[in-house]
Amino acid sequence: MSKASNQIISESDLIEGCRRGDRKMQHELYNRFAPKMYGVCLRYASNAEEAEDILQEGFIKIFNKIGSYRGDGSFEGWIRRIFVNTAIEHYRKKIYLQPITETEENTVEGKYLSVLDNLAEKDIIQLVQQLSPGYRTVFNMYVVEGYSHKQIAEILGISEGTSKSQLSRAKLILQDLVKSFIERRKRVP
C-alpha cells in the first residue's frame, strides 16, 4: 500500500512531493484543497462551469508555483491567494467594470439592508453569481476577501471611486435579488 492510501500525509511531505512532481502527491493536494477552493471560485464565477475552469487554472498555477512557497504563513492561505488572483485574472480577461454615478452610489448605500443573514450559503452564492462580472468581482474582493477600495483599484486598474460605486451598485442589486428570492420562497407552498 502506498503512503497516500493508508495514512494522512503531512503538509510538508505533500508540498515536497508536489515540488518533485509526484503525481500521487499532486492528486492528494487536489483532493485536500479542491472543495474549499471550488467555493472560492464559485463566488467569482457566473456559473459552475466557469468556476470549474477557474479551479483547473488555479491548480495548474499551484503545481507550477509550488517551488516558490517559502513556508511563510499558512499553506492554505498561500493556495487561497493564488485562487483569488486566478479568479480576478479570469474576470479581467472577460469584461470591464461599468461605472455608476455618485448620486446612485449615495442612494444605494442609504437603502442597503443586510437581509442575507436569513439565507443559506448556497442561496447567497447563487444570488451573487447573478451579478455582472464587474459587480461580483468588486463585491467579493471587498466583502469576502477584505481588500480595501484602494487595493481593488490597483489590482483591477480602476479608480477607487469606481470600486466604491461598483460595490454600492452590487449591494443594491443584491438587495433586489434577495427580496425577489424571499418573495418567491413565500409563494411556494
N, C-alpha and C. Protein backbone atom coordinates (compact mmCIF):
# COMPACT_ATOMS: atom_id res chain seq x y z
N MET A 1 0.84 -1.19 0.00
CA MET A 1 0.00 0.00 0.00
C MET A 1 0.88 1.24 0.00
N SER A 2 0.42 2.25 -0.70
CA SER A 2 1.19 3.49 -0.75
C SER A 2 0.92 4.32 0.49
N LYS A 3 1.84 5.23 0.73
CA LYS A 3 1.70 6.13 1.88
C LYS A 3 0.39 6.91 1.79
N ALA A 4 0.00 7.31 0.58
CA ALA A 4 -1.21 8.11 0.40
C ALA A 4 -2.47 7.35 0.77
N SER A 5 -2.47 6.04 0.61
CA SER A 5 -3.70 5.30 0.83
C SER A 5 -3.89 4.80 2.26
N ASN A 6 -2.82 4.73 3.07
CA ASN A 6 -3.02 4.16 4.39
C ASN A 6 -2.77 5.12 5.55
N GLN A 7 -2.38 6.34 5.27
CA GLN A 7 -2.24 7.29 6.36
C GLN A 7 -2.34 8.72 5.83
N ILE A 8 -2.56 9.62 6.75
CA ILE A 8 -2.66 11.02 6.37
C ILE A 8 -1.26 11.54 6.08
N ILE A 9 -1.13 12.21 4.96
CA ILE A 9 0.16 12.76 4.54
C ILE A 9 0.33 14.13 5.17
N SER A 10 1.48 14.36 5.76
CA SER A 10 1.73 15.67 6.37
C SER A 10 1.81 16.74 5.29
N GLU A 11 1.54 17.96 5.70
CA GLU A 11 1.57 19.07 4.76
C GLU A 11 2.97 19.23 4.15
N SER A 12 4.00 19.09 4.97
CA SER A 12 5.36 19.25 4.46
C SER A 12 5.71 18.15 3.46
N ASP A 13 5.28 16.90 3.72
CA ASP A 13 5.51 15.82 2.76
C ASP A 13 4.73 16.06 1.46
N LEU A 14 3.53 16.58 1.62
CA LEU A 14 2.70 16.88 0.46
C LEU A 14 3.36 17.95 -0.41
N ILE A 15 3.83 19.00 0.21
CA ILE A 15 4.49 20.09 -0.51
C ILE A 15 5.75 19.57 -1.21
N GLU A 16 6.55 18.84 -0.47
CA GLU A 16 7.80 18.31 -1.04
C GLU A 16 7.52 17.36 -2.21
N GLY A 17 6.51 16.51 -2.06
CA GLY A 17 6.15 15.59 -3.15
C GLY A 17 5.71 16.34 -4.39
N CYS A 18 4.92 17.40 -4.19
CA CYS A 18 4.47 18.20 -5.34
C CYS A 18 5.63 18.95 -5.98
N ARG A 19 6.59 19.38 -5.18
CA ARG A 19 7.78 20.04 -5.73
C ARG A 19 8.56 19.08 -6.64
N ARG A 20 8.56 17.81 -6.28
CA ARG A 20 9.25 16.79 -7.08
C ARG A 20 8.43 16.36 -8.30
N GLY A 21 7.18 16.82 -8.36
CA GLY A 21 6.32 16.43 -9.48
C GLY A 21 5.66 15.08 -9.30
N ASP A 22 5.60 14.59 -8.07
CA ASP A 22 4.98 13.30 -7.75
C ASP A 22 3.47 13.39 -8.00
N ARG A 23 2.99 12.62 -8.98
CA ARG A 23 1.57 12.66 -9.37
C ARG A 23 0.63 12.28 -8.22
N LYS A 24 1.03 11.31 -7.41
CA LYS A 24 0.18 10.90 -6.28
C LYS A 24 0.02 12.04 -5.28
N MET A 25 1.11 12.75 -5.05
CA MET A 25 1.05 13.88 -4.11
C MET A 25 0.24 15.03 -4.70
N GLN A 26 0.36 15.24 -5.99
CA GLN A 26 -0.45 16.27 -6.65
C GLN A 26 -1.94 15.92 -6.54
N HIS A 27 -2.23 14.66 -6.74
CA HIS A 27 -3.62 14.19 -6.62
C HIS A 27 -4.13 14.39 -5.19
N GLU A 28 -3.29 14.08 -4.21
CA GLU A 28 -3.65 14.27 -2.81
C GLU A 28 -3.89 15.75 -2.50
N LEU A 29 -3.01 16.60 -2.99
CA LEU A 29 -3.17 18.04 -2.77
C LEU A 29 -4.48 18.52 -3.38
N TYR A 30 -4.77 18.07 -4.59
CA TYR A 30 -6.03 18.43 -5.24
C TYR A 30 -7.22 17.98 -4.40
N ASN A 31 -7.21 16.73 -3.98
CA ASN A 31 -8.33 16.20 -3.19
C ASN A 31 -8.51 16.94 -1.87
N ARG A 32 -7.41 17.35 -1.29
CA ARG A 32 -7.45 18.03 0.01
C ARG A 32 -8.00 19.45 -0.10
N PHE A 33 -7.65 20.16 -1.17
CA PHE A 33 -8.00 21.58 -1.25
C PHE A 33 -9.07 21.94 -2.28
N ALA A 34 -9.38 21.06 -3.19
CA ALA A 34 -10.35 21.38 -4.26
C ALA A 34 -11.72 21.80 -3.73
N PRO A 35 -12.30 21.10 -2.74
CA PRO A 35 -13.63 21.52 -2.30
C PRO A 35 -13.68 22.97 -1.78
N LYS A 36 -12.72 23.36 -0.96
CA LYS A 36 -12.70 24.73 -0.43
C LYS A 36 -12.42 25.73 -1.54
N MET A 37 -11.48 25.43 -2.40
CA MET A 37 -11.11 26.37 -3.45
C MET A 37 -12.21 26.48 -4.51
N TYR A 38 -12.98 25.42 -4.68
CA TYR A 38 -14.12 25.49 -5.59
C TYR A 38 -15.12 26.52 -5.06
N GLY A 39 -15.29 26.56 -3.76
CA GLY A 39 -16.16 27.57 -3.14
C GLY A 39 -15.67 28.98 -3.43
N VAL A 40 -14.37 29.19 -3.36
CA VAL A 40 -13.79 30.50 -3.70
C VAL A 40 -14.08 30.82 -5.17
N CYS A 41 -13.85 29.86 -6.04
CA CYS A 41 -14.08 30.05 -7.48
C CYS A 41 -15.54 30.36 -7.77
N LEU A 42 -16.45 29.67 -7.10
CA LEU A 42 -17.88 29.88 -7.32
C LEU A 42 -18.30 31.31 -7.00
N ARG A 43 -17.69 31.91 -6.00
CA ARG A 43 -18.06 33.28 -5.63
C ARG A 43 -17.71 34.26 -6.73
N TYR A 44 -16.72 33.97 -7.52
CA TYR A 44 -16.30 34.88 -8.58
C TYR A 44 -16.89 34.53 -9.94
N ALA A 45 -17.33 33.31 -10.11
CA ALA A 45 -17.79 32.81 -11.40
C ALA A 45 -19.27 33.11 -11.64
N SER A 46 -19.65 33.08 -12.92
CA SER A 46 -21.05 33.27 -13.29
C SER A 46 -21.85 31.99 -13.12
N ASN A 47 -21.16 30.85 -13.18
CA ASN A 47 -21.85 29.56 -13.09
C ASN A 47 -20.84 28.48 -12.70
N ALA A 48 -21.34 27.27 -12.51
CA ALA A 48 -20.49 26.16 -12.06
C ALA A 48 -19.41 25.83 -13.09
N GLU A 49 -19.74 25.89 -14.36
CA GLU A 49 -18.76 25.56 -15.40
C GLU A 49 -17.58 26.55 -15.38
N GLU A 50 -17.89 27.82 -15.23
CA GLU A 50 -16.83 28.84 -15.16
C GLU A 50 -16.00 28.64 -13.88
N ALA A 51 -16.65 28.28 -12.78
CA ALA A 51 -15.93 28.01 -11.53
C ALA A 51 -14.97 26.84 -11.71
N GLU A 52 -15.40 25.81 -12.42
CA GLU A 52 -14.53 24.66 -12.67
C GLU A 52 -13.33 25.04 -13.53
N ASP A 53 -13.53 25.94 -14.49
CA ASP A 53 -12.42 26.43 -15.31
C ASP A 53 -11.40 27.17 -14.44
N ILE A 54 -11.89 28.02 -13.56
CA ILE A 54 -11.00 28.78 -12.67
C ILE A 54 -10.29 27.82 -11.73
N LEU A 55 -11.00 26.81 -11.24
CA LEU A 55 -10.41 25.81 -10.34
C LEU A 55 -9.25 25.10 -11.04
N GLN A 56 -9.48 24.67 -12.26
CA GLN A 56 -8.43 23.97 -13.02
C GLN A 56 -7.23 24.89 -13.25
N GLU A 57 -7.51 26.10 -13.67
CA GLU A 57 -6.44 27.08 -13.91
C GLU A 57 -5.65 27.35 -12.63
N GLY A 58 -6.36 27.44 -11.51
CA GLY A 58 -5.70 27.68 -10.23
C GLY A 58 -4.78 26.55 -9.82
N PHE A 59 -5.23 25.32 -10.00
CA PHE A 59 -4.37 24.18 -9.63
C PHE A 59 -3.15 24.07 -10.55
N ILE A 60 -3.30 24.42 -11.80
CA ILE A 60 -2.13 24.44 -12.69
C ILE A 60 -1.10 25.43 -12.15
N LYS A 61 -1.58 26.60 -11.72
CA LYS A 61 -0.67 27.60 -11.14
C LYS A 61 -0.04 27.09 -9.85
N ILE A 62 -0.83 26.42 -9.01
CA ILE A 62 -0.30 25.88 -7.74
C ILE A 62 0.85 24.93 -8.05
N PHE A 63 0.63 23.99 -8.97
CA PHE A 63 1.66 23.00 -9.28
C PHE A 63 2.89 23.64 -9.92
N ASN A 64 2.68 24.68 -10.71
CA ASN A 64 3.81 25.37 -11.34
C ASN A 64 4.58 26.26 -10.37
N LYS A 65 3.88 26.79 -9.35
CA LYS A 65 4.50 27.75 -8.44
C LYS A 65 4.85 27.17 -7.07
N ILE A 66 4.58 25.91 -6.85
CA ILE A 66 4.77 25.36 -5.51
C ILE A 66 6.22 25.48 -5.03
N GLY A 67 7.14 25.51 -5.96
CA GLY A 67 8.54 25.70 -5.60
C GLY A 67 8.82 27.06 -4.98
N SER A 68 7.92 28.02 -5.24
CA SER A 68 8.12 29.36 -4.68
C SER A 68 7.50 29.53 -3.29
N TYR A 69 6.77 28.51 -2.83
CA TYR A 69 6.20 28.60 -1.47
C TYR A 69 7.33 28.47 -0.47
N ARG A 70 7.52 29.48 0.37
CA ARG A 70 8.65 29.54 1.30
C ARG A 70 8.29 29.07 2.71
N GLY A 71 7.03 28.80 2.96
CA GLY A 71 6.65 28.36 4.30
C GLY A 71 6.27 29.52 5.21
N ASP A 72 6.28 30.74 4.68
CA ASP A 72 5.84 31.89 5.46
C ASP A 72 4.32 31.91 5.45
N GLY A 73 3.70 31.87 6.60
CA GLY A 73 2.24 31.86 6.66
C GLY A 73 1.70 30.47 6.35
N SER A 74 0.40 30.37 6.36
CA SER A 74 -0.21 29.06 6.14
C SER A 74 -0.19 28.67 4.66
N PHE A 75 -0.03 27.39 4.44
CA PHE A 75 -0.03 26.86 3.08
C PHE A 75 -1.40 27.07 2.44
N GLU A 76 -2.46 26.82 3.22
CA GLU A 76 -3.81 27.02 2.69
C GLU A 76 -4.03 28.47 2.32
N GLY A 77 -3.52 29.40 3.11
CA GLY A 77 -3.63 30.82 2.78
C GLY A 77 -2.93 31.16 1.48
N TRP A 78 -1.75 30.55 1.27
CA TRP A 78 -1.00 30.75 0.03
C TRP A 78 -1.81 30.24 -1.16
N ILE A 79 -2.39 29.06 -1.00
CA ILE A 79 -3.22 28.47 -2.06
C ILE A 79 -4.43 29.36 -2.34
N ARG A 80 -5.09 29.78 -1.29
CA ARG A 80 -6.28 30.63 -1.43
C ARG A 80 -5.96 31.91 -2.20
N ARG A 81 -4.85 32.54 -1.88
CA ARG A 81 -4.44 33.78 -2.55
C ARG A 81 -4.25 33.53 -4.05
N ILE A 82 -3.67 32.40 -4.41
CA ILE A 82 -3.50 32.07 -5.83
C ILE A 82 -4.86 31.91 -6.50
N PHE A 83 -5.80 31.28 -5.81
CA PHE A 83 -7.13 31.10 -6.41
C PHE A 83 -7.87 32.43 -6.55
N VAL A 84 -7.78 33.28 -5.56
CA VAL A 84 -8.42 34.59 -5.65
C VAL A 84 -7.81 35.36 -6.82
N ASN A 85 -6.49 35.37 -6.91
CA ASN A 85 -5.83 36.07 -8.01
C ASN A 85 -6.19 35.48 -9.36
N THR A 86 -6.31 34.16 -9.43
CA THR A 86 -6.69 33.50 -10.68
C THR A 86 -8.11 33.91 -11.08
N ALA A 87 -9.00 33.96 -10.11
CA ALA A 87 -10.39 34.37 -10.39
C ALA A 87 -10.43 35.83 -10.86
N ILE A 88 -9.63 36.68 -10.24
CA ILE A 88 -9.58 38.09 -10.64
C ILE A 88 -9.02 38.21 -12.05
N GLU A 89 -7.95 37.48 -12.34
CA GLU A 89 -7.38 37.48 -13.70
C GLU A 89 -8.41 37.00 -14.72
N HIS A 90 -9.15 35.97 -14.35
CA HIS A 90 -10.19 35.42 -15.24
C HIS A 90 -11.21 36.52 -15.55
N TYR A 91 -11.60 37.23 -14.52
CA TYR A 91 -12.56 38.32 -14.71
C TYR A 91 -11.97 39.41 -15.61
N ARG A 92 -10.74 39.81 -15.33
CA ARG A 92 -10.12 40.90 -16.09
C ARG A 92 -10.00 40.57 -17.57
N LYS A 93 -9.86 39.31 -17.90
CA LYS A 93 -9.77 38.91 -19.30
C LYS A 93 -11.13 39.04 -20.00
N LYS A 94 -12.20 38.92 -19.22
CA LYS A 94 -13.54 38.85 -19.80
C LYS A 94 -14.21 40.20 -20.03
N ILE A 95 -14.24 41.04 -19.00
CA ILE A 95 -15.13 42.20 -19.05
C ILE A 95 -14.57 43.36 -18.26
N TYR A 96 -14.98 44.55 -18.58
CA TYR A 96 -14.59 45.73 -17.83
C TYR A 96 -15.75 46.20 -16.96
N LEU A 97 -15.43 46.96 -15.91
CA LEU A 97 -16.44 47.44 -14.97
C LEU A 97 -17.31 48.52 -15.60
N GLN A 98 -18.55 48.58 -15.13
CA GLN A 98 -19.48 49.60 -15.59
C GLN A 98 -19.63 50.64 -14.48
N PRO A 99 -19.22 51.90 -14.73
CA PRO A 99 -19.33 52.91 -13.68
C PRO A 99 -20.78 53.35 -13.46
N ILE A 100 -21.06 53.79 -12.23
CA ILE A 100 -22.35 54.41 -11.94
C ILE A 100 -22.07 55.78 -11.37
N THR A 101 -23.07 56.61 -11.31
CA THR A 101 -22.86 57.98 -10.85
C THR A 101 -22.75 58.05 -9.33
N GLU A 102 -22.19 59.14 -8.84
CA GLU A 102 -22.04 59.33 -7.39
C GLU A 102 -23.40 59.42 -6.72
N THR A 103 -24.39 60.01 -7.39
CA THR A 103 -25.74 60.11 -6.83
C THR A 103 -26.31 58.72 -6.61
N GLU A 104 -26.13 57.84 -7.59
CA GLU A 104 -26.61 56.46 -7.44
C GLU A 104 -25.90 55.78 -6.27
N GLU A 105 -24.60 56.03 -6.14
CA GLU A 105 -23.82 55.42 -5.07
C GLU A 105 -24.37 55.80 -3.71
N ASN A 106 -24.66 57.07 -3.49
CA ASN A 106 -25.18 57.52 -2.20
C ASN A 106 -26.55 56.94 -1.92
N THR A 107 -27.39 56.83 -2.95
CA THR A 107 -28.72 56.25 -2.80
C THR A 107 -28.61 54.77 -2.44
N VAL A 108 -27.72 54.07 -3.09
CA VAL A 108 -27.53 52.65 -2.84
C VAL A 108 -27.13 52.42 -1.39
N GLU A 109 -26.13 53.15 -0.92
CA GLU A 109 -25.66 52.98 0.46
C GLU A 109 -26.79 53.23 1.45
N GLY A 110 -27.64 54.21 1.18
CA GLY A 110 -28.72 54.54 2.09
C GLY A 110 -29.79 53.46 2.16
N LYS A 111 -29.97 52.71 1.08
CA LYS A 111 -31.03 51.71 1.01
C LYS A 111 -30.60 50.30 1.40
N TYR A 112 -29.30 50.04 1.40
CA TYR A 112 -28.82 48.67 1.57
C TYR A 112 -29.24 48.08 2.91
N LEU A 113 -29.84 46.91 2.87
CA LEU A 113 -30.27 46.21 4.08
C LEU A 113 -29.54 44.88 4.16
N SER A 114 -29.17 44.46 5.34
CA SER A 114 -28.46 43.19 5.50
C SER A 114 -29.46 42.07 5.71
N VAL A 115 -30.08 41.62 4.63
CA VAL A 115 -31.06 40.54 4.72
C VAL A 115 -30.45 39.20 4.34
N LEU A 116 -29.17 39.19 4.00
CA LEU A 116 -28.51 37.96 3.60
C LEU A 116 -28.39 36.98 4.76
N ASP A 117 -28.51 37.46 6.00
CA ASP A 117 -28.37 36.60 7.17
C ASP A 117 -29.39 35.47 7.18
N ASN A 118 -30.52 35.64 6.52
CA ASN A 118 -31.59 34.65 6.56
C ASN A 118 -31.50 33.60 5.46
N LEU A 119 -30.47 33.67 4.64
CA LEU A 119 -30.36 32.75 3.51
C LEU A 119 -29.25 31.73 3.73
N ALA A 120 -29.41 30.59 3.11
CA ALA A 120 -28.37 29.55 3.16
C ALA A 120 -27.20 29.98 2.27
N GLU A 121 -26.02 29.45 2.57
CA GLU A 121 -24.81 29.82 1.82
C GLU A 121 -24.98 29.57 0.32
N LYS A 122 -25.58 28.43 -0.05
CA LYS A 122 -25.74 28.12 -1.48
C LYS A 122 -26.68 29.12 -2.15
N ASP A 123 -27.68 29.60 -1.41
CA ASP A 123 -28.60 30.60 -1.96
C ASP A 123 -27.86 31.92 -2.19
N ILE A 124 -27.02 32.29 -1.24
CA ILE A 124 -26.26 33.53 -1.36
C ILE A 124 -25.32 33.45 -2.55
N ILE A 125 -24.62 32.32 -2.70
CA ILE A 125 -23.70 32.15 -3.83
C ILE A 125 -24.46 32.28 -5.15
N GLN A 126 -25.65 31.65 -5.23
CA GLN A 126 -26.44 31.74 -6.46
C GLN A 126 -26.86 33.17 -6.75
N LEU A 127 -27.20 33.92 -5.71
CA LEU A 127 -27.60 35.32 -5.91
C LEU A 127 -26.40 36.16 -6.33
N VAL A 128 -25.26 35.96 -5.71
CA VAL A 128 -24.05 36.70 -6.07
C VAL A 128 -23.64 36.38 -7.50
N GLN A 129 -23.83 35.14 -7.93
CA GLN A 129 -23.48 34.75 -9.30
C GLN A 129 -24.33 35.49 -10.34
N GLN A 130 -25.48 36.01 -9.93
CA GLN A 130 -26.33 36.74 -10.86
C GLN A 130 -25.83 38.16 -11.12
N LEU A 131 -24.92 38.64 -10.29
CA LEU A 131 -24.34 39.97 -10.52
C LEU A 131 -23.48 39.95 -11.77
N SER A 132 -23.34 41.09 -12.41
CA SER A 132 -22.43 41.17 -13.56
C SER A 132 -21.02 40.87 -13.06
N PRO A 133 -20.13 40.43 -13.96
CA PRO A 133 -18.77 40.10 -13.51
C PRO A 133 -18.08 41.23 -12.76
N GLY A 134 -18.26 42.47 -13.20
CA GLY A 134 -17.62 43.60 -12.53
C GLY A 134 -18.13 43.79 -11.11
N TYR A 135 -19.43 43.80 -10.96
CA TYR A 135 -20.02 43.97 -9.62
C TYR A 135 -19.62 42.81 -8.72
N ARG A 136 -19.70 41.59 -9.27
CA ARG A 136 -19.41 40.39 -8.49
C ARG A 136 -17.96 40.40 -8.01
N THR A 137 -17.05 40.80 -8.88
CA THR A 137 -15.63 40.80 -8.53
C THR A 137 -15.35 41.80 -7.42
N VAL A 138 -15.83 43.02 -7.56
CA VAL A 138 -15.59 44.03 -6.53
C VAL A 138 -16.27 43.62 -5.22
N PHE A 139 -17.49 43.11 -5.30
CA PHE A 139 -18.20 42.67 -4.10
C PHE A 139 -17.40 41.60 -3.36
N ASN A 140 -16.94 40.59 -4.08
CA ASN A 140 -16.17 39.52 -3.45
C ASN A 140 -14.86 40.02 -2.87
N MET A 141 -14.17 40.86 -3.64
CA MET A 141 -12.87 41.35 -3.16
C MET A 141 -13.03 42.18 -1.89
N TYR A 142 -14.07 43.00 -1.83
CA TYR A 142 -14.25 43.89 -0.69
C TYR A 142 -14.90 43.17 0.49
N VAL A 143 -16.03 42.52 0.25
CA VAL A 143 -16.82 41.93 1.32
C VAL A 143 -16.24 40.60 1.80
N VAL A 144 -15.83 39.75 0.89
CA VAL A 144 -15.39 38.40 1.26
C VAL A 144 -13.89 38.35 1.54
N GLU A 145 -13.09 38.93 0.64
CA GLU A 145 -11.64 38.84 0.77
C GLU A 145 -11.03 39.93 1.64
N GLY A 146 -11.77 41.02 1.87
CA GLY A 146 -11.29 42.07 2.77
C GLY A 146 -10.33 43.07 2.15
N TYR A 147 -10.30 43.17 0.83
CA TYR A 147 -9.46 44.17 0.19
C TYR A 147 -10.05 45.56 0.44
N SER A 148 -9.21 46.58 0.49
CA SER A 148 -9.67 47.97 0.57
C SER A 148 -10.01 48.44 -0.84
N HIS A 149 -10.74 49.55 -0.94
CA HIS A 149 -11.05 50.08 -2.27
C HIS A 149 -9.77 50.49 -2.99
N LYS A 150 -8.80 50.97 -2.24
CA LYS A 150 -7.52 51.35 -2.84
C LYS A 150 -6.84 50.13 -3.46
N GLN A 151 -6.83 49.00 -2.72
CA GLN A 151 -6.22 47.77 -3.23
C GLN A 151 -6.97 47.25 -4.45
N ILE A 152 -8.30 47.28 -4.38
CA ILE A 152 -9.12 46.81 -5.51
C ILE A 152 -8.81 47.65 -6.74
N ALA A 153 -8.74 48.96 -6.55
CA ALA A 153 -8.45 49.86 -7.67
C ALA A 153 -7.11 49.53 -8.31
N GLU A 154 -6.10 49.28 -7.49
CA GLU A 154 -4.77 48.96 -8.02
C GLU A 154 -4.77 47.63 -8.75
N ILE A 155 -5.41 46.62 -8.18
CA ILE A 155 -5.43 45.28 -8.78
C ILE A 155 -6.20 45.26 -10.10
N LEU A 156 -7.35 45.95 -10.12
CA LEU A 156 -8.20 45.91 -11.32
C LEU A 156 -7.92 47.03 -12.30
N GLY A 157 -7.06 47.97 -11.92
CA GLY A 157 -6.74 49.08 -12.81
C GLY A 157 -7.89 50.06 -12.98
N ILE A 158 -8.61 50.34 -11.89
CA ILE A 158 -9.73 51.27 -11.91
C ILE A 158 -9.50 52.31 -10.82
N SER A 159 -10.36 53.31 -10.73
CA SER A 159 -10.24 54.30 -9.66
C SER A 159 -10.91 53.78 -8.39
N GLU A 160 -10.53 54.37 -7.26
CA GLU A 160 -11.19 54.00 -6.00
C GLU A 160 -12.68 54.32 -6.06
N GLY A 161 -13.02 55.44 -6.68
CA GLY A 161 -14.43 55.82 -6.83
C GLY A 161 -15.22 54.79 -7.60
N THR A 162 -14.61 54.25 -8.64
CA THR A 162 -15.29 53.21 -9.43
C THR A 162 -15.47 51.96 -8.58
N SER A 163 -14.46 51.62 -7.79
CA SER A 163 -14.58 50.46 -6.91
C SER A 163 -15.73 50.65 -5.93
N LYS A 164 -15.80 51.84 -5.33
CA LYS A 164 -16.88 52.13 -4.37
C LYS A 164 -18.24 52.09 -5.05
N SER A 165 -18.33 52.65 -6.24
CA SER A 165 -19.62 52.67 -6.92
C SER A 165 -20.03 51.26 -7.36
N GLN A 166 -19.05 50.44 -7.77
CA GLN A 166 -19.37 49.06 -8.14
C GLN A 166 -19.90 48.29 -6.94
N LEU A 167 -19.27 48.49 -5.78
CA LEU A 167 -19.73 47.83 -4.56
C LEU A 167 -21.13 48.29 -4.20
N SER A 168 -21.36 49.57 -4.26
CA SER A 168 -22.68 50.11 -3.93
C SER A 168 -23.75 49.56 -4.85
N ARG A 169 -23.44 49.54 -6.12
CA ARG A 169 -24.40 49.02 -7.10
C ARG A 169 -24.64 47.53 -6.87
N ALA A 170 -23.58 46.79 -6.58
CA ALA A 170 -23.72 45.35 -6.31
C ALA A 170 -24.64 45.13 -5.12
N LYS A 171 -24.48 45.94 -4.08
CA LYS A 171 -25.33 45.80 -2.89
C LYS A 171 -26.80 46.09 -3.22
N LEU A 172 -27.03 47.11 -4.03
CA LEU A 172 -28.41 47.43 -4.41
C LEU A 172 -29.03 46.29 -5.21
N ILE A 173 -28.29 45.78 -6.16
CA ILE A 173 -28.79 44.68 -6.99
C ILE A 173 -29.02 43.44 -6.12
N LEU A 174 -28.10 43.15 -5.23
CA LEU A 174 -28.26 42.01 -4.33
C LEU A 174 -29.49 42.17 -3.45
N GLN A 175 -29.70 43.38 -2.98
CA GLN A 175 -30.88 43.63 -2.15
C GLN A 175 -32.15 43.29 -2.92
N ASP A 176 -32.23 43.73 -4.17
CA ASP A 176 -33.40 43.42 -5.00
C ASP A 176 -33.50 41.92 -5.28
N LEU A 177 -32.37 41.27 -5.54
CA LEU A 177 -32.37 39.83 -5.80
C LEU A 177 -32.84 39.06 -4.56
N VAL A 178 -32.38 39.49 -3.39
CA VAL A 178 -32.78 38.82 -2.15
C VAL A 178 -34.28 39.00 -1.91
N LYS A 179 -34.78 40.21 -2.11
CA LYS A 179 -36.22 40.45 -1.94
C LYS A 179 -37.03 39.55 -2.86
N SER A 180 -36.61 39.46 -4.13
CA SER A 180 -37.32 38.61 -5.09
C SER A 180 -37.24 37.15 -4.68
N PHE A 181 -36.07 36.73 -4.23
CA PHE A 181 -35.87 35.35 -3.79
C PHE A 181 -36.80 35.02 -2.63
N ILE A 182 -36.87 35.91 -1.65
CA ILE A 182 -37.72 35.69 -0.47
C ILE A 182 -39.19 35.68 -0.87
N GLU A 183 -39.58 36.58 -1.77
CA GLU A 183 -40.96 36.61 -2.25
C GLU A 183 -41.32 35.29 -2.94
N ARG A 184 -40.42 34.79 -3.79
CA ARG A 184 -40.68 33.52 -4.49
C ARG A 184 -40.81 32.38 -3.48
N ARG A 185 -39.96 32.38 -2.47
CA ARG A 185 -39.99 31.32 -1.46
C ARG A 185 -41.30 31.35 -0.67
N LYS A 186 -41.83 32.55 -0.41
CA LYS A 186 -43.10 32.68 0.33
C LYS A 186 -44.27 32.11 -0.47
N ARG A 187 -44.19 32.26 -1.82
CA ARG A 187 -45.28 31.81 -2.68
C ARG A 187 -45.32 30.29 -2.86
N VAL A 188 -44.19 29.63 -2.63
CA VAL A 188 -44.14 28.18 -2.81
C VAL A 188 -44.72 27.51 -1.57
N PRO A 189 -45.77 26.69 -1.75
CA PRO A 189 -46.39 26.04 -0.58
C PRO A 189 -45.54 24.95 0.02
